[in-house]
Amino acid sequence: MNDQLKIIPFKHATSAHYKLLLDADPSKKLVDNYLKRSFNFEAKIGQRLVGVIILIETRPETIEIVNLAVDPSDQKQGIGHRLIQFATHWAIDQAYKVIEIGTGSTGFGQLYLYQKSGFRPYAVDQDFFVRNYSEPIIENNLVLKDMIRLRKFL
């Protein structure tokens, strides 16, 4: 099935995009804010949307993955890894030197995926999710508080 995966840019987020985006980031306000200034890519198998990855330039020569989501029914098939590989190659082609990502400290699967993809932790943003989200986020039966920041030099 992965051989049929196509990753292409998209300009306008549809309800299907939002379903994925809000699964990865439950704040519509934050999602809407970064969609206005980001590079947006969708992963499709045939006509079916299976994933999204959103990139924002945060500093000169640095791009950040601010949203990465794969449809729950398509997870554990390498789609997230393929999206990260795509973003890495795209960033290199655009002359970026660093690619970064932040994830919740309770997202064990995500932390594994990002480190498997060559990212290394470099900082903890304590209480990020407490400060930026009005409702508590529960992940792996833990209240999410801190963001782990990871980066990869290209």
N, C-alpha and C. Protein backbone atom coordinates (compact mmCIF):
# COMPACT_ATOMS: atom_id res chain seq x y z
N MET A 1 0.83 -1.20 0.00
CA MET A 1 0.00 0.00 0.00
C MET A 1 0.86 1.26 0.00
N ASN A 2 2.03 1.24 0.70
CA ASN A 2 2.89 2.41 0.75
C ASN A 2 3.39 2.83 -0.62
N ASP A 3 3.48 1.89 -1.58
CA ASP A 3 3.93 2.25 -2.91
C ASP A 3 2.92 3.16 -3.61
N GLN A 4 1.69 3.14 -3.16
CA GLN A 4 0.64 3.98 -3.74
C GLN A 4 0.56 5.34 -3.06
N LEU A 5 1.35 5.56 -2.03
CA LEU A 5 1.29 6.80 -1.26
C LEU A 5 1.84 7.96 -2.08
N LYS A 6 1.06 9.02 -2.18
CA LYS A 6 1.47 10.25 -2.87
C LYS A 6 1.42 11.39 -1.86
N ILE A 7 2.49 12.18 -1.82
CA ILE A 7 2.55 13.34 -0.93
C ILE A 7 2.63 14.58 -1.80
N ILE A 8 1.62 15.45 -1.64
CA ILE A 8 1.49 16.64 -2.50
C ILE A 8 1.10 17.85 -1.66
N PRO A 9 1.41 19.05 -2.14
CA PRO A 9 1.00 20.25 -1.41
C PRO A 9 -0.52 20.44 -1.45
N PHE A 10 -1.03 21.11 -0.44
CA PHE A 10 -2.42 21.57 -0.49
C PHE A 10 -2.48 22.99 0.04
N LYS A 11 -3.44 23.76 -0.50
CA LYS A 11 -3.57 25.17 -0.12
C LYS A 11 -4.65 25.40 0.92
N HIS A 12 -5.82 24.80 0.71
CA HIS A 12 -6.96 25.05 1.58
C HIS A 12 -7.34 23.79 2.33
N ALA A 13 -7.39 23.91 3.65
CA ALA A 13 -7.72 22.76 4.49
C ALA A 13 -9.22 22.47 4.40
N THR A 14 -9.54 21.23 4.10
CA THR A 14 -10.93 20.77 4.05
C THR A 14 -11.29 20.19 5.43
N SER A 15 -12.54 19.77 5.57
CA SER A 15 -12.95 19.15 6.83
C SER A 15 -12.15 17.87 7.07
N ALA A 16 -11.79 17.14 6.01
CA ALA A 16 -10.97 15.94 6.16
C ALA A 16 -9.57 16.29 6.67
N HIS A 17 -9.00 17.39 6.18
CA HIS A 17 -7.70 17.85 6.70
C HIS A 17 -7.83 18.20 8.19
N TYR A 18 -8.89 18.96 8.52
CA TYR A 18 -9.07 19.38 9.91
C TYR A 18 -9.25 18.20 10.84
N LYS A 19 -9.91 17.16 10.38
CA LYS A 19 -10.08 15.97 11.22
C LYS A 19 -8.71 15.43 11.64
N LEU A 20 -7.79 15.36 10.70
CA LEU A 20 -6.43 14.89 11.01
C LEU A 20 -5.65 15.92 11.83
N LEU A 21 -5.69 17.17 11.39
CA LEU A 21 -4.93 18.23 12.06
C LEU A 21 -5.32 18.35 13.53
N LEU A 22 -6.62 18.28 13.82
CA LEU A 22 -7.10 18.44 15.19
C LEU A 22 -6.87 17.18 16.02
N ASP A 23 -6.65 16.07 15.36
CA ASP A 23 -6.27 14.86 16.09
C ASP A 23 -4.86 15.02 16.65
N ALA A 24 -3.99 15.68 15.90
CA ALA A 24 -2.61 15.92 16.35
C ALA A 24 -2.49 17.15 17.24
N ASP A 25 -3.34 18.13 17.04
CA ASP A 25 -3.32 19.38 17.81
C ASP A 25 -4.76 19.79 18.06
N PRO A 26 -5.28 19.60 19.28
CA PRO A 26 -6.70 19.81 19.53
C PRO A 26 -7.16 21.28 19.57
N SER A 27 -6.26 22.23 19.35
CA SER A 27 -6.65 23.64 19.37
C SER A 27 -6.88 24.15 17.95
N LYS A 28 -8.16 24.34 17.57
CA LYS A 28 -8.47 24.86 16.24
C LYS A 28 -7.87 26.25 16.07
N LYS A 29 -7.85 27.04 17.14
CA LYS A 29 -7.28 28.39 17.08
C LYS A 29 -5.80 28.33 16.69
N LEU A 30 -5.03 27.44 17.33
CA LEU A 30 -3.61 27.32 16.99
C LEU A 30 -3.42 26.76 15.58
N VAL A 31 -4.23 25.76 15.22
CA VAL A 31 -4.13 25.19 13.87
C VAL A 31 -4.41 26.27 12.82
N ASP A 32 -5.50 27.02 13.00
CA ASP A 32 -5.83 28.09 12.05
C ASP A 32 -4.71 29.11 11.96
N ASN A 33 -4.08 29.42 13.09
CA ASN A 33 -3.00 30.40 13.11
C ASN A 33 -1.82 29.93 12.28
N TYR A 34 -1.38 28.69 12.45
CA TYR A 34 -0.20 28.28 11.69
C TYR A 34 -0.51 27.90 10.26
N LEU A 35 -1.75 27.53 9.95
CA LEU A 35 -2.08 27.23 8.55
C LEU A 35 -1.95 28.46 7.65
N LYS A 36 -2.07 29.64 8.22
CA LYS A 36 -1.98 30.88 7.45
C LYS A 36 -0.56 31.15 6.94
N ARG A 37 0.43 30.52 7.57
CA ARG A 37 1.82 30.86 7.25
C ARG A 37 2.71 29.63 7.06
N SER A 38 2.11 28.55 6.62
CA SER A 38 2.84 27.29 6.57
C SER A 38 2.92 26.70 5.17
N PHE A 39 3.75 25.69 5.06
CA PHE A 39 3.84 24.85 3.87
C PHE A 39 3.09 23.57 4.22
N ASN A 40 2.03 23.28 3.47
CA ASN A 40 1.11 22.20 3.83
C ASN A 40 1.18 21.07 2.80
N PHE A 41 1.29 19.85 3.31
CA PHE A 41 1.35 18.68 2.43
C PHE A 41 0.39 17.62 2.94
N GLU A 42 -0.21 16.92 1.98
CA GLU A 42 -1.13 15.84 2.31
C GLU A 42 -0.60 14.54 1.73
N ALA A 43 -0.91 13.45 2.42
CA ALA A 43 -0.57 12.11 1.95
C ALA A 43 -1.86 11.43 1.54
N LYS A 44 -1.87 10.90 0.33
CA LYS A 44 -3.06 10.23 -0.18
C LYS A 44 -2.70 8.86 -0.71
N ILE A 45 -3.63 7.95 -0.55
CA ILE A 45 -3.59 6.66 -1.23
C ILE A 45 -4.82 6.66 -2.12
N GLY A 46 -4.59 6.73 -3.41
CA GLY A 46 -5.70 6.96 -4.34
C GLY A 46 -6.26 8.35 -4.06
N GLN A 47 -7.56 8.43 -3.85
CA GLN A 47 -8.20 9.71 -3.52
C GLN A 47 -8.40 9.88 -2.01
N ARG A 48 -7.98 8.89 -1.23
CA ARG A 48 -8.23 8.90 0.21
C ARG A 48 -7.10 9.61 0.95
N LEU A 49 -7.46 10.62 1.74
CA LEU A 49 -6.51 11.35 2.57
C LEU A 49 -6.12 10.48 3.76
N VAL A 50 -4.83 10.20 3.90
CA VAL A 50 -4.37 9.34 4.99
C VAL A 50 -3.44 10.07 5.97
N GLY A 51 -2.93 11.25 5.59
CA GLY A 51 -2.03 11.96 6.48
C GLY A 51 -1.77 13.38 6.03
N VAL A 52 -1.23 14.17 6.96
CA VAL A 52 -0.85 15.55 6.68
C VAL A 52 0.45 15.86 7.42
N ILE A 53 1.19 16.81 6.86
CA ILE A 53 2.37 17.35 7.54
C ILE A 53 2.43 18.84 7.22
N ILE A 54 2.63 19.63 8.27
CA ILE A 54 2.62 21.09 8.15
C ILE A 54 3.97 21.62 8.63
N LEU A 55 4.59 22.47 7.80
CA LEU A 55 5.93 23.00 8.08
C LEU A 55 5.88 24.53 8.14
N ILE A 56 6.63 25.08 9.08
CA ILE A 56 6.74 26.54 9.21
C ILE A 56 8.21 26.92 9.38
N GLU A 57 8.60 27.97 8.67
CA GLU A 57 9.94 28.52 8.88
C GLU A 57 9.92 29.28 10.20
N THR A 58 10.79 28.88 11.12
CA THR A 58 10.81 29.52 12.44
C THR A 58 11.97 30.51 12.60
N ARG A 59 13.07 30.22 11.91
CA ARG A 59 14.25 31.09 11.91
C ARG A 59 14.91 30.92 10.56
N PRO A 60 15.82 31.81 10.20
CA PRO A 60 16.54 31.58 8.95
C PRO A 60 17.19 30.20 8.98
N GLU A 61 17.02 29.47 7.91
CA GLU A 61 17.60 28.15 7.70
C GLU A 61 17.02 27.07 8.62
N THR A 62 15.90 27.37 9.31
CA THR A 62 15.26 26.40 10.19
C THR A 62 13.78 26.27 9.86
N ILE A 63 13.35 25.03 9.70
CA ILE A 63 11.94 24.72 9.42
C ILE A 63 11.46 23.80 10.54
N GLU A 64 10.21 23.98 10.94
CA GLU A 64 9.66 23.16 12.00
C GLU A 64 8.43 22.41 11.50
N ILE A 65 8.35 21.15 11.86
CA ILE A 65 7.13 20.37 11.64
C ILE A 65 6.21 20.73 12.79
N VAL A 66 5.11 21.43 12.49
CA VAL A 66 4.20 21.86 13.55
C VAL A 66 2.98 20.95 13.66
N ASN A 67 2.76 20.13 12.65
CA ASN A 67 1.65 19.17 12.72
C ASN A 67 1.99 18.00 11.82
N LEU A 68 1.84 16.82 12.35
CA LEU A 68 2.03 15.58 11.62
C LEU A 68 0.95 14.64 12.11
N ALA A 69 0.10 14.19 11.20
CA ALA A 69 -1.00 13.32 11.59
C ALA A 69 -1.25 12.28 10.52
N VAL A 70 -1.53 11.07 10.98
CA VAL A 70 -1.90 9.96 10.11
C VAL A 70 -3.24 9.43 10.60
N ASP A 71 -4.15 9.17 9.69
CA ASP A 71 -5.45 8.62 10.05
C ASP A 71 -5.24 7.39 10.94
N PRO A 72 -5.97 7.31 12.04
CA PRO A 72 -5.79 6.17 12.95
C PRO A 72 -5.87 4.80 12.27
N SER A 73 -6.73 4.68 11.26
CA SER A 73 -6.86 3.38 10.58
C SER A 73 -5.67 3.07 9.67
N ASP A 74 -4.79 4.06 9.44
CA ASP A 74 -3.62 3.87 8.58
C ASP A 74 -2.30 3.96 9.35
N GLN A 75 -2.37 4.03 10.67
CA GLN A 75 -1.15 4.12 11.46
C GLN A 75 -0.43 2.78 11.52
N LYS A 76 0.83 2.84 11.88
CA LYS A 76 1.69 1.66 12.00
C LYS A 76 1.95 0.99 10.65
N GLN A 77 1.91 1.78 9.58
CA GLN A 77 2.19 1.28 8.24
C GLN A 77 3.33 2.05 7.57
N GLY A 78 4.01 2.89 8.33
CA GLY A 78 5.15 3.64 7.80
C GLY A 78 4.80 4.97 7.17
N ILE A 79 3.55 5.38 7.23
CA ILE A 79 3.14 6.64 6.59
C ILE A 79 3.75 7.83 7.31
N GLY A 80 3.74 7.82 8.64
CA GLY A 80 4.35 8.91 9.40
C GLY A 80 5.83 9.04 9.08
N HIS A 81 6.51 7.92 9.01
CA HIS A 81 7.93 7.93 8.66
C HIS A 81 8.15 8.47 7.26
N ARG A 82 7.30 8.07 6.32
CA ARG A 82 7.41 8.58 4.94
C ARG A 82 7.17 10.09 4.90
N LEU A 83 6.21 10.58 5.68
CA LEU A 83 5.96 12.03 5.73
C LEU A 83 7.18 12.77 6.28
N ILE A 84 7.81 12.23 7.30
CA ILE A 84 9.01 12.85 7.86
C ILE A 84 10.14 12.83 6.84
N GLN A 85 10.33 11.72 6.14
CA GLN A 85 11.36 11.64 5.09
C GLN A 85 11.08 12.68 4.01
N PHE A 86 9.82 12.79 3.60
CA PHE A 86 9.45 13.78 2.59
C PHE A 86 9.81 15.18 3.07
N ALA A 87 9.42 15.52 4.31
CA ALA A 87 9.68 16.85 4.85
C ALA A 87 11.18 17.12 4.92
N THR A 88 11.95 16.12 5.30
CA THR A 88 13.40 16.28 5.38
C THR A 88 14.00 16.56 4.00
N HIS A 89 13.61 15.80 3.01
CA HIS A 89 14.13 16.02 1.64
C HIS A 89 13.65 17.37 1.09
N TRP A 90 12.41 17.73 1.37
CA TRP A 90 11.88 19.02 0.92
C TRP A 90 12.70 20.15 1.56
N ALA A 91 12.97 20.03 2.86
CA ALA A 91 13.73 21.07 3.57
C ALA A 91 15.14 21.21 3.00
N ILE A 92 15.78 20.09 2.69
CA ILE A 92 17.11 20.14 2.08
C ILE A 92 17.04 20.83 0.73
N ASP A 93 16.04 20.48 -0.07
CA ASP A 93 15.87 21.10 -1.40
C ASP A 93 15.65 22.60 -1.30
N GLN A 94 15.05 23.05 -0.19
CA GLN A 94 14.78 24.48 0.02
C GLN A 94 15.93 25.19 0.75
N ALA A 95 17.03 24.49 0.96
CA ALA A 95 18.26 25.02 1.56
C ALA A 95 18.15 25.28 3.07
N TYR A 96 17.23 24.60 3.74
CA TYR A 96 17.21 24.67 5.20
C TYR A 96 18.35 23.84 5.76
N LYS A 97 18.84 24.23 6.93
CA LYS A 97 19.95 23.53 7.57
C LYS A 97 19.50 22.71 8.78
N VAL A 98 18.32 23.05 9.32
CA VAL A 98 17.82 22.39 10.52
C VAL A 98 16.33 22.14 10.35
N ILE A 99 15.88 20.96 10.81
CA ILE A 99 14.45 20.68 10.87
C ILE A 99 14.15 20.32 12.32
N GLU A 100 13.08 20.91 12.86
CA GLU A 100 12.73 20.71 14.25
C GLU A 100 11.31 20.18 14.37
N ILE A 101 11.01 19.63 15.54
CA ILE A 101 9.66 19.18 15.85
C ILE A 101 9.50 19.20 17.36
N GLY A 102 8.29 19.49 17.81
CA GLY A 102 7.98 19.43 19.23
C GLY A 102 6.86 18.43 19.43
N THR A 103 6.91 17.70 20.53
CA THR A 103 5.86 16.73 20.82
C THR A 103 5.67 16.62 22.31
N GLY A 104 4.53 16.10 22.69
CA GLY A 104 4.23 15.94 24.10
C GLY A 104 5.13 14.92 24.76
N SER A 105 5.47 15.18 26.01
CA SER A 105 6.35 14.28 26.75
C SER A 105 5.70 12.93 27.02
N THR A 106 4.39 12.83 26.87
CA THR A 106 3.69 11.57 27.09
C THR A 106 3.44 10.81 25.79
N GLY A 107 3.88 11.35 24.66
CA GLY A 107 3.69 10.71 23.36
C GLY A 107 4.82 9.75 23.05
N PHE A 108 4.82 8.60 23.69
CA PHE A 108 5.94 7.67 23.57
C PHE A 108 6.13 7.18 22.14
N GLY A 109 5.04 6.89 21.44
CA GLY A 109 5.15 6.44 20.05
C GLY A 109 5.74 7.51 19.15
N GLN A 110 5.30 8.76 19.36
CA GLN A 110 5.83 9.86 18.56
C GLN A 110 7.32 10.08 18.85
N LEU A 111 7.69 10.06 20.11
CA LEU A 111 9.10 10.24 20.46
C LEU A 111 9.97 9.16 19.83
N TYR A 112 9.46 7.94 19.81
CA TYR A 112 10.19 6.84 19.17
C TYR A 112 10.34 7.11 17.67
N LEU A 113 9.23 7.46 17.01
CA LEU A 113 9.25 7.72 15.57
C LEU A 113 10.24 8.83 15.22
N TYR A 114 10.20 9.93 15.96
CA TYR A 114 11.06 11.07 15.63
C TYR A 114 12.54 10.72 15.84
N GLN A 115 12.84 10.01 16.90
CA GLN A 115 14.24 9.63 17.13
C GLN A 115 14.69 8.59 16.12
N LYS A 116 13.80 7.68 15.75
CA LYS A 116 14.11 6.70 14.70
C LYS A 116 14.39 7.42 13.37
N SER A 117 13.77 8.59 13.18
CA SER A 117 13.94 9.38 11.96
C SER A 117 15.12 10.32 12.03
N GLY A 118 15.92 10.23 13.09
CA GLY A 118 17.16 11.02 13.16
C GLY A 118 17.08 12.28 14.00
N PHE A 119 15.95 12.56 14.62
CA PHE A 119 15.82 13.74 15.48
C PHE A 119 16.41 13.43 16.85
N ARG A 120 16.99 14.47 17.47
CA ARG A 120 17.56 14.34 18.80
C ARG A 120 16.91 15.37 19.72
N PRO A 121 16.55 14.98 20.94
CA PRO A 121 16.00 15.96 21.88
C PRO A 121 17.04 17.02 22.23
N TYR A 122 16.57 18.27 22.36
CA TYR A 122 17.50 19.32 22.77
C TYR A 122 16.93 20.26 23.83
N ALA A 123 15.62 20.19 24.09
CA ALA A 123 15.04 21.08 25.09
C ALA A 123 13.69 20.56 25.55
N VAL A 124 13.29 21.03 26.73
CA VAL A 124 11.95 20.75 27.25
C VAL A 124 11.29 22.10 27.49
N ASP A 125 10.10 22.29 26.91
CA ASP A 125 9.30 23.50 27.16
C ASP A 125 8.30 23.12 28.25
N GLN A 126 8.69 23.40 29.51
CA GLN A 126 7.87 22.99 30.64
C GLN A 126 6.52 23.70 30.64
N ASP A 127 5.48 22.93 30.92
CA ASP A 127 4.10 23.42 31.03
C ASP A 127 3.56 24.04 29.74
N PHE A 128 4.16 23.71 28.59
CA PHE A 128 3.68 24.25 27.31
C PHE A 128 2.19 23.97 27.12
N PHE A 129 1.77 22.75 27.36
CA PHE A 129 0.38 22.37 27.09
C PHE A 129 -0.57 22.93 28.15
N VAL A 130 -0.08 23.18 29.34
CA VAL A 130 -0.89 23.82 30.38
C VAL A 130 -1.13 25.29 30.01
N ARG A 131 -0.08 25.96 29.51
CA ARG A 131 -0.18 27.38 29.14
C ARG A 131 -1.00 27.62 27.89
N ASN A 132 -0.96 26.69 26.92
CA ASN A 132 -1.52 26.97 25.60
C ASN A 132 -2.83 26.28 25.28
N TYR A 133 -3.33 25.43 26.16
CA TYR A 133 -4.58 24.71 25.91
C TYR A 133 -5.49 24.88 27.11
N SER A 134 -6.76 25.22 26.84
CA SER A 134 -7.69 25.50 27.93
C SER A 134 -8.16 24.23 28.64
N GLU A 135 -8.17 23.11 27.95
CA GLU A 135 -8.58 21.84 28.53
C GLU A 135 -7.36 20.93 28.69
N PRO A 136 -7.32 20.15 29.76
CA PRO A 136 -6.21 19.20 29.91
C PRO A 136 -6.22 18.18 28.76
N ILE A 137 -5.03 17.77 28.35
CA ILE A 137 -4.87 16.75 27.33
C ILE A 137 -4.36 15.49 28.04
N ILE A 138 -5.08 14.40 27.84
CA ILE A 138 -4.68 13.12 28.44
C ILE A 138 -4.14 12.25 27.32
N GLU A 139 -2.91 11.75 27.52
CA GLU A 139 -2.27 10.89 26.53
C GLU A 139 -1.58 9.76 27.29
N ASN A 140 -1.85 8.52 26.89
CA ASN A 140 -1.30 7.35 27.57
C ASN A 140 -1.60 7.37 29.07
N ASN A 141 -2.82 7.82 29.39
CA ASN A 141 -3.31 7.90 30.78
C ASN A 141 -2.51 8.86 31.65
N LEU A 142 -1.84 9.81 31.03
CA LEU A 142 -1.10 10.84 31.75
C LEU A 142 -1.57 12.21 31.30
N VAL A 143 -1.58 13.17 32.22
CA VAL A 143 -1.89 14.55 31.85
C VAL A 143 -0.66 15.13 31.16
N LEU A 144 -0.87 15.61 29.95
CA LEU A 144 0.23 16.17 29.15
C LEU A 144 0.52 17.59 29.64
N LYS A 145 1.77 17.83 29.98
CA LYS A 145 2.19 19.16 30.45
C LYS A 145 3.32 19.73 29.60
N ASP A 146 4.36 18.92 29.37
CA ASP A 146 5.59 19.43 28.78
C ASP A 146 5.75 19.04 27.32
N MET A 147 6.40 19.92 26.56
CA MET A 147 6.75 19.64 25.17
C MET A 147 8.24 19.30 25.11
N ILE A 148 8.53 18.21 24.44
CA ILE A 148 9.91 17.83 24.15
C ILE A 148 10.26 18.39 22.78
N ARG A 149 11.32 19.17 22.70
CA ARG A 149 11.75 19.76 21.43
C ARG A 149 12.89 18.88 20.88
N LEU A 150 12.76 18.53 19.59
CA LEU A 150 13.77 17.70 18.93
C LEU A 150 14.20 18.39 17.63
N ARG A 151 15.42 18.10 17.20
CA ARG A 151 15.88 18.67 15.94
C ARG A 151 16.84 17.71 15.24
N LYS A 152 16.97 17.98 13.95
CA LYS A 152 17.91 17.21 13.12
C LYS A 152 18.63 18.21 12.23
N PHE A 153 19.95 18.11 12.20
CA PHE A 153 20.75 18.96 11.31
C PHE A 153 20.78 18.30 9.95
N LEU A 154 20.54 19.10 8.91
CA LEU A 154 20.44 18.57 7.55
C LEU A 154 21.76 18.73 6.80
